[in-house]
Each structure stands twice: as structure tokens, then as C-alpha cells.
Protein backbone atom coordinates (compact mmCIF):
# COMPACT_ATOMS: atom_id res chain seq x y z
CA MET A 1 40.44 -21.47 23.60
CA ALA A 2 39.97 -24.79 25.51
CA ALA A 3 42.69 -27.16 26.65
CA VAL A 4 43.51 -30.18 24.51
CA SER A 5 41.84 -33.28 25.86
CA ILE A 6 44.03 -36.24 26.70
CA LEU A 7 41.22 -38.14 28.37
CA GLY A 8 39.14 -38.75 25.26
CA LEU A 9 35.48 -38.80 24.51
CA THR A 10 32.87 -38.48 27.30
CA ALA A 11 29.69 -39.48 25.49
CA LEU A 12 27.93 -39.45 22.17
CA SER A 13 25.38 -36.82 21.21
CA SER A 14 21.88 -37.64 22.40
CA ALA A 15 20.36 -36.09 19.26
CA PRO A 16 20.24 -37.94 15.95
CA ALA A 17 23.00 -36.88 13.57
CA ASN A 18 20.50 -35.76 10.94
CA ALA A 19 18.08 -33.82 13.16
CA ALA A 20 15.39 -31.74 11.49
CA ALA A 21 16.68 -28.56 9.86
CA ALA A 22 15.77 -25.15 11.24
CA ALA A 23 15.05 -22.63 8.48
CA GLY A 24 16.88 -24.61 5.81
CA CYS A 25 20.21 -25.29 7.60
CA THR A 26 21.22 -28.42 9.51
CA LEU A 27 24.01 -29.00 12.03
CA THR A 28 25.41 -32.51 12.55
CA ILE A 29 27.94 -33.48 15.22
CA GLU A 30 29.39 -36.98 14.94
CA PRO A 31 32.22 -38.57 16.96
CA VAL A 32 35.43 -39.45 15.14
CA VAL A 33 36.21 -43.09 15.95
CA GLY A 34 39.40 -43.53 17.97
CA ALA A 35 39.80 -39.82 18.71
CA SER A 36 38.56 -37.24 21.22
CA THR A 37 37.21 -35.14 18.35
CA TYR A 38 33.93 -34.65 16.54
CA ARG A 39 33.17 -34.01 12.87
CA VAL A 40 30.96 -30.89 12.85
CA THR A 41 29.13 -30.17 9.59
CA VAL A 42 26.60 -27.55 8.51
CA GLY A 43 24.54 -27.80 5.34
CA CYS A 44 21.91 -25.39 3.97
CA THR A 45 19.25 -26.18 1.39
CA ASP A 46 19.33 -22.55 0.15
CA GLY A 47 22.99 -22.53 -0.90
CA ASN A 48 26.61 -23.45 -0.13
CA VAL A 49 27.87 -22.81 3.41
CA THR A 50 30.92 -20.53 3.36
CA THR A 51 31.45 -20.28 7.13
CA PHE A 52 29.64 -20.95 10.40
CA LYS A 53 29.88 -20.04 14.08
CA LEU A 54 29.08 -22.52 16.84
CA TYR A 55 27.22 -21.41 19.97
CA GLY A 56 26.12 -23.06 23.20
CA SER A 57 22.45 -22.41 23.88
CA ASP A 58 21.95 -21.04 27.41
CA TRP A 59 19.35 -19.17 29.50
CA GLY A 60 21.26 -15.88 29.25
CA PRO A 61 23.49 -14.85 26.38
CA ASP A 62 24.59 -17.83 24.29
CA ASP A 63 28.24 -18.95 24.57
CA PHE A 64 30.33 -18.37 21.44
CA ILE A 65 32.41 -21.53 20.85
CA ILE A 66 34.33 -21.27 17.57
CA HIS A 67 34.23 -19.79 14.05
CA ILE A 68 34.77 -22.31 11.23
CA TRP A 69 35.60 -21.39 7.61
CA GLY A 70 33.97 -23.84 5.22
CA SER A 71 31.10 -26.22 5.92
CA SER A 72 32.86 -28.88 8.04
CA SER A 73 35.67 -29.31 10.56
CA GLU A 74 37.03 -31.71 13.15
CA ILE A 75 36.78 -30.19 16.63
CA LEU A 76 37.99 -31.36 20.05
CA GLY A 77 35.16 -32.46 22.31
CA ASP A 78 36.47 -30.07 24.97
CA HIS A 79 35.69 -27.12 22.65
CA LEU A 80 32.07 -28.30 22.46
CA ASN A 81 31.82 -28.76 26.25
CA GLU A 82 30.07 -25.45 26.94
CA ASP A 83 28.17 -26.59 30.06
CA ILE A 84 30.74 -28.34 32.27
CA GLY A 85 29.11 -31.14 34.25
CA ALA A 86 25.82 -30.79 32.33
CA ARG A 87 24.41 -31.56 28.90
CA ASP A 88 25.68 -29.30 26.10
CA GLU A 89 23.25 -27.66 23.66
CA ILE A 90 25.04 -26.65 20.45
CA TYR A 91 23.71 -24.79 17.40
CA ALA A 92 25.35 -22.94 14.51
CA LYS A 93 24.83 -19.63 12.78
CA ALA A 94 25.42 -20.50 9.11
CA TYR A 95 26.55 -18.08 6.41
CA PHE A 96 25.85 -19.25 2.85
CA LYS A 97 25.84 -18.18 -0.78
CA THR A 98 22.91 -19.02 -3.06
CA PRO A 99 23.33 -20.27 -6.65
CA ALA A 100 22.27 -16.76 -7.80
CA GLY A 101 25.15 -15.23 -5.80
CA ALA A 102 23.12 -13.74 -2.94
CA THR A 103 24.32 -14.27 0.63
CA GLY A 104 22.26 -15.40 3.60
CA THR A 105 22.48 -16.24 7.31
CA ARG A 106 20.39 -18.77 9.24
CA ASN A 107 20.52 -20.58 12.57
CA THR A 108 20.55 -24.39 12.52
CA ASN A 109 18.85 -26.99 14.64
CA ARG A 110 20.28 -27.63 18.13
CA VAL A 111 22.31 -30.78 18.87
CA ASP A 112 22.38 -31.91 22.53
CA GLY A 113 25.03 -34.17 24.04
CA TYR A 114 27.89 -34.54 26.52
CA PHE A 115 31.11 -33.44 24.83
CA GLY A 116 34.67 -33.26 26.18
CA CYS A 117 36.34 -34.12 29.47
CA VAL A 118 37.44 -30.83 31.07
CA ILE A 119 36.47 -31.18 34.75
CA ASP A 120 33.47 -33.33 33.87
CA PRO A 121 32.59 -35.93 36.49
CA VAL A 122 31.57 -38.42 33.76
CA CYS A 123 35.17 -38.78 32.58
């Protein structure tokens, strides 16, 4: 996918870590101290997240970033850098299972920030 960053973190997300949920699911992206990675977590009020896909929100088709199994993972900032040289707008499509055993899919809130260092002038 993206190259491994050796330059480190460009900037912190401009959105609060616990932004308002969209349709019952919330995405948080928080920097890991001392690393060029971010802890990405999705939670849904309707059930347990089994997997999620990250996307970059754009004018045309949204950019697929990565598919994560489980509800949380540590991801290189360069993977989240979907708009090189500009602010990144990230959201997740969450897949979850309800306590009754039914499955569901919902999009999360969007988290905006400057992630990664691939060709970015801010680095």
C-alpha cells in the first residue's frame, strides 16, 4: 500500500477524538506518542464492530485506504495521508453484530487532519 514513514508525524487531527457519531458509529484517530502511527478505533452503539474499512472523503469517488479486522488498529500516518499536500478527510464503513445476532453496516463520522509525510511540504 503506502511506503513506511521514516520522517514521523506531520500533525495531529484537527477534529476532536470523540466527534459526534453518525448513525450510531464513531471513528476516532489518535496519534501514538513517540511513533509515526495512529490508533484508529471504531465503535457502534448498536453492536460490536467486527471489521471496518477506512475511506478518504473526496469530491469524486472516495479513496479506499485499508480494511481492518476488529474494532481497532495502529496504522502508519502515511496510510491515512489520502490527500497529499492537503487536509485528509477520513471516515469508516463499520460492520457490526448486534446482541441479538443480526449484522449491520453504517458509516461513521469524518475525522479531518494532516496525516503522514509522503511528499507533504509540511514535513
